Protein backbone atom coordinates (compact mmCIF):
# COMPACT_ATOMS: atom_id res chain seq x y z
CA UNK A 1 0.00 0.00 0.00
CA UNK A 2 1.40 3.39 -0.97
CA UNK A 3 -0.64 5.38 1.54
CA UNK A 4 1.95 5.90 4.23
CA UNK A 5 2.92 9.03 6.11
CA UNK A 6 6.56 8.94 5.05
CA UNK A 7 5.73 8.74 1.33
CA UNK A 8 3.12 11.47 1.62
CA UNK A 9 5.59 13.69 3.52
CA UNK A 10 8.34 13.01 0.98
CA UNK A 11 6.08 13.94 -1.89
CA UNK A 12 5.07 17.22 -0.29
CA UNK A 13 8.52 18.26 0.85
CA UNK A 14 10.17 17.62 -2.52
CA UNK A 15 7.95 20.15 -4.21
CA UNK A 16 9.98 23.25 -5.06
CA UNK A 17 7.23 25.85 -5.46
CA UNK A 18 3.85 24.18 -5.31
CA UNK A 19 2.33 20.88 -4.27
CA UNK A 20 -1.15 19.94 -5.39
CA UNK A 21 -2.67 17.05 -3.49
CA UNK A 22 -5.36 15.16 -5.38
CA UNK A 23 -7.33 12.43 -3.69
CA UNK A 24 -10.13 11.60 -1.35
CA UNK A 25 -9.97 13.28 2.06
CA UNK A 26 -10.34 9.88 3.70
CA UNK A 27 -7.36 8.45 1.79
CA UNK A 28 -5.17 11.44 2.68
CA UNK A 29 -6.26 11.18 6.30
CA UNK A 30 -5.31 7.50 6.34
CA UNK A 31 -1.92 8.31 4.84
CA UNK A 32 -1.19 10.98 7.45
CA UNK A 33 -2.16 8.69 10.32
CA UNK A 34 -0.43 5.56 9.04
CA UNK A 35 3.15 4.59 9.72
CA UNK A 36 5.31 1.89 8.24
CA UNK A 37 6.58 0.03 11.29
CA UNK A 38 8.50 -2.57 9.32
CA UNK A 39 12.15 -2.94 10.26
CA UNK A 40 14.51 -1.71 7.57
CA UNK A 41 17.70 -3.62 6.82
CA UNK A 42 20.00 -0.99 5.34
CA UNK A 43 23.40 -2.22 6.59
CA UNK A 44 24.05 1.41 7.52
CA UNK A 45 26.01 0.51 10.64
CA UNK A 46 28.29 -1.82 8.66
CA UNK A 47 28.91 0.85 6.03
CA UNK A 48 29.77 3.46 8.66
CA UNK A 49 32.21 1.08 10.31
CA UNK A 50 33.84 0.31 6.95
CA UNK A 51 34.23 4.04 6.37
CA UNK A 52 36.07 4.32 9.68
CA UNK A 53 33.24 5.96 11.57
CA UNK A 54 32.57 4.49 15.00
CA UNK A 55 28.81 4.46 15.26
């Protein structure tokens, strides 16, 4: 499902001058209230350690 707060926020904040939101109020409300609580496996800590940064 693409209706998540982080994707909605990203779309709005990437707009340079104007953002036009098109959609049902209920769908937008669901997007704002929803969060994606899935754990992300980015290997960020490993990459920082390889770069010599003690994280």
